[in-house]
Amino acid sequence: MTLQDCLTRNLQVLQLRGMAKATQDNYLRGVRKISEHYNKLPDQITEENIRG
């Protein structure tokens, strides 16, 4: 799975939940930024990664 696959899947969930377009954009931007920061897919980022 690539980051783009993950973002697409998350977008579909947000749309199904009826989230506003701005909410979708902000959420996906946050997911993309944290993934790029840790150089990992979101489902591979652990609490230990975040705590440092």
N, C-alpha and C. Protein backbone atom coordinates (compact mmCIF):
# COMPACT_ATOMS: atom_id res chain seq x y z
N MET A 1 0.85 -1.18 0.00
CA MET A 1 0.00 0.00 0.00
C MET A 1 0.90 1.24 0.00
N THR A 2 0.51 2.22 -0.77
CA THR A 2 1.25 3.47 -0.83
C THR A 2 0.53 4.52 0.02
N LEU A 3 1.21 5.65 0.23
CA LEU A 3 0.57 6.74 0.97
C LEU A 3 -0.67 7.21 0.23
N GLN A 4 -0.59 7.29 -1.09
CA GLN A 4 -1.76 7.72 -1.87
C GLN A 4 -2.93 6.76 -1.69
N ASP A 5 -2.66 5.47 -1.65
CA ASP A 5 -3.72 4.48 -1.40
C ASP A 5 -4.38 4.74 -0.04
N CYS A 6 -3.55 4.99 0.95
CA CYS A 6 -4.04 5.24 2.31
C CYS A 6 -4.90 6.51 2.35
N LEU A 7 -4.43 7.56 1.69
CA LEU A 7 -5.18 8.81 1.67
C LEU A 7 -6.51 8.64 0.95
N THR A 8 -6.51 7.88 -0.14
CA THR A 8 -7.74 7.63 -0.87
C THR A 8 -8.74 6.87 -0.02
N ARG A 9 -8.25 5.87 0.69
CA ARG A 9 -9.13 5.08 1.57
C ARG A 9 -9.71 5.96 2.68
N ASN A 10 -8.87 6.80 3.27
CA ASN A 10 -9.34 7.70 4.32
C ASN A 10 -10.34 8.72 3.78
N LEU A 11 -10.11 9.21 2.58
CA LEU A 11 -11.05 10.16 1.97
C LEU A 11 -12.41 9.51 1.78
N GLN A 12 -12.43 8.28 1.34
CA GLN A 12 -13.70 7.57 1.15
C GLN A 12 -14.46 7.46 2.47
N VAL A 13 -13.76 7.15 3.54
CA VAL A 13 -14.39 7.03 4.85
C VAL A 13 -14.95 8.39 5.29
N LEU A 14 -14.17 9.45 5.11
CA LEU A 14 -14.63 10.78 5.50
C LEU A 14 -15.86 11.19 4.70
N GLN A 15 -15.87 10.87 3.43
CA GLN A 15 -17.02 11.20 2.58
C GLN A 15 -18.25 10.40 3.00
N LEU A 16 -18.07 9.12 3.31
CA LEU A 16 -19.20 8.30 3.75
C LEU A 16 -19.78 8.80 5.06
N ARG A 17 -18.93 9.38 5.89
CA ARG A 17 -19.39 9.92 7.17
C ARG A 17 -19.99 11.32 7.03
N GLY A 18 -19.96 11.85 5.83
CA GLY A 18 -20.58 13.14 5.58
C GLY A 18 -19.77 14.34 6.06
N MET A 19 -18.48 14.16 6.19
CA MET A 19 -17.63 15.26 6.64
C MET A 19 -17.55 16.35 5.57
N ALA A 20 -17.46 17.58 6.02
CA ALA A 20 -17.35 18.72 5.10
C ALA A 20 -16.05 18.64 4.31
N LYS A 21 -16.05 19.26 3.14
CA LYS A 21 -14.87 19.26 2.27
C LYS A 21 -13.66 19.83 3.00
N ALA A 22 -13.83 20.90 3.75
CA ALA A 22 -12.72 21.50 4.49
C ALA A 22 -12.17 20.54 5.55
N THR A 23 -13.06 19.81 6.20
CA THR A 23 -12.64 18.81 7.18
C THR A 23 -11.83 17.71 6.51
N GLN A 24 -12.30 17.25 5.37
CA GLN A 24 -11.59 16.22 4.61
C GLN A 24 -10.19 16.70 4.25
N ASP A 25 -10.12 17.91 3.71
CA ASP A 25 -8.83 18.46 3.29
C ASP A 25 -7.87 18.59 4.46
N ASN A 26 -8.35 19.11 5.58
CA ASN A 26 -7.50 19.30 6.76
C ASN A 26 -7.03 17.96 7.33
N TYR A 27 -7.92 17.01 7.40
CA TYR A 27 -7.57 15.69 7.93
C TYR A 27 -6.51 15.03 7.05
N LEU A 28 -6.74 15.03 5.74
CA LEU A 28 -5.81 14.38 4.83
C LEU A 28 -4.46 15.10 4.82
N ARG A 29 -4.46 16.42 4.94
CA ARG A 29 -3.21 17.16 5.01
C ARG A 29 -2.43 16.75 6.25
N GLY A 30 -3.12 16.62 7.37
CA GLY A 30 -2.46 16.20 8.61
C GLY A 30 -1.89 14.80 8.51
N VAL A 31 -2.65 13.89 7.94
CA VAL A 31 -2.18 12.51 7.77
C VAL A 31 -0.95 12.47 6.86
N ARG A 32 -1.01 13.23 5.76
CA ARG A 32 0.11 13.26 4.82
C ARG A 32 1.37 13.85 5.47
N LYS A 33 1.21 14.93 6.23
CA LYS A 33 2.36 15.58 6.85
C LYS A 33 3.02 14.69 7.91
N ILE A 34 2.22 14.03 8.72
CA ILE A 34 2.81 13.17 9.75
C ILE A 34 3.47 11.95 9.11
N SER A 35 2.88 11.44 8.04
CA SER A 35 3.49 10.31 7.32
C SER A 35 4.83 10.71 6.72
N GLU A 36 4.87 11.89 6.13
CA GLU A 36 6.12 12.36 5.53
C GLU A 36 7.17 12.64 6.60
N HIS A 37 6.75 13.17 7.74
CA HIS A 37 7.68 13.47 8.83
C HIS A 37 8.37 12.19 9.33
N TYR A 38 7.59 11.15 9.54
CA TYR A 38 8.15 9.89 10.05
C TYR A 38 8.59 8.95 8.94
N ASN A 39 8.33 9.34 7.70
CA ASN A 39 8.70 8.52 6.54
C ASN A 39 8.13 7.10 6.65
N LYS A 40 6.86 7.05 7.09
CA LYS A 40 6.16 5.78 7.25
C LYS A 40 4.71 5.98 6.87
N LEU A 41 4.05 4.89 6.52
CA LEU A 41 2.62 4.95 6.31
C LEU A 41 1.93 5.17 7.65
N PRO A 42 0.76 5.79 7.64
CA PRO A 42 0.08 6.07 8.91
C PRO A 42 -0.12 4.85 9.80
N ASP A 43 -0.42 3.70 9.20
CA ASP A 43 -0.66 2.51 10.02
C ASP A 43 0.62 1.88 10.55
N GLN A 44 1.77 2.43 10.15
CA GLN A 44 3.06 1.94 10.65
C GLN A 44 3.66 2.86 11.71
N ILE A 45 3.04 3.99 11.96
CA ILE A 45 3.53 4.94 12.97
C ILE A 45 3.02 4.47 14.33
N THR A 46 3.95 4.31 15.24
CA THR A 46 3.60 3.82 16.57
C THR A 46 3.62 4.97 17.59
N GLU A 47 3.10 4.69 18.74
CA GLU A 47 3.14 5.67 19.83
C GLU A 47 4.60 5.97 20.19
N GLU A 48 5.46 4.98 20.11
CA GLU A 48 6.88 5.20 20.40
C GLU A 48 7.51 6.18 19.42
N ASN A 49 7.13 6.09 18.14
CA ASN A 49 7.62 7.04 17.14
C ASN A 49 7.26 8.47 17.55
N ILE A 50 6.05 8.64 17.98
CA ILE A 50 5.54 9.99 18.30
C ILE A 50 6.19 10.51 19.58
N ARG A 51 6.36 9.66 20.54
CA ARG A 51 6.97 10.10 21.82
C ARG A 51 8.45 10.41 21.68
N GLY A 52 9.06 9.87 20.64
CA GLY A 52 10.43 10.23 20.36
C GLY A 52 11.42 9.26 20.84
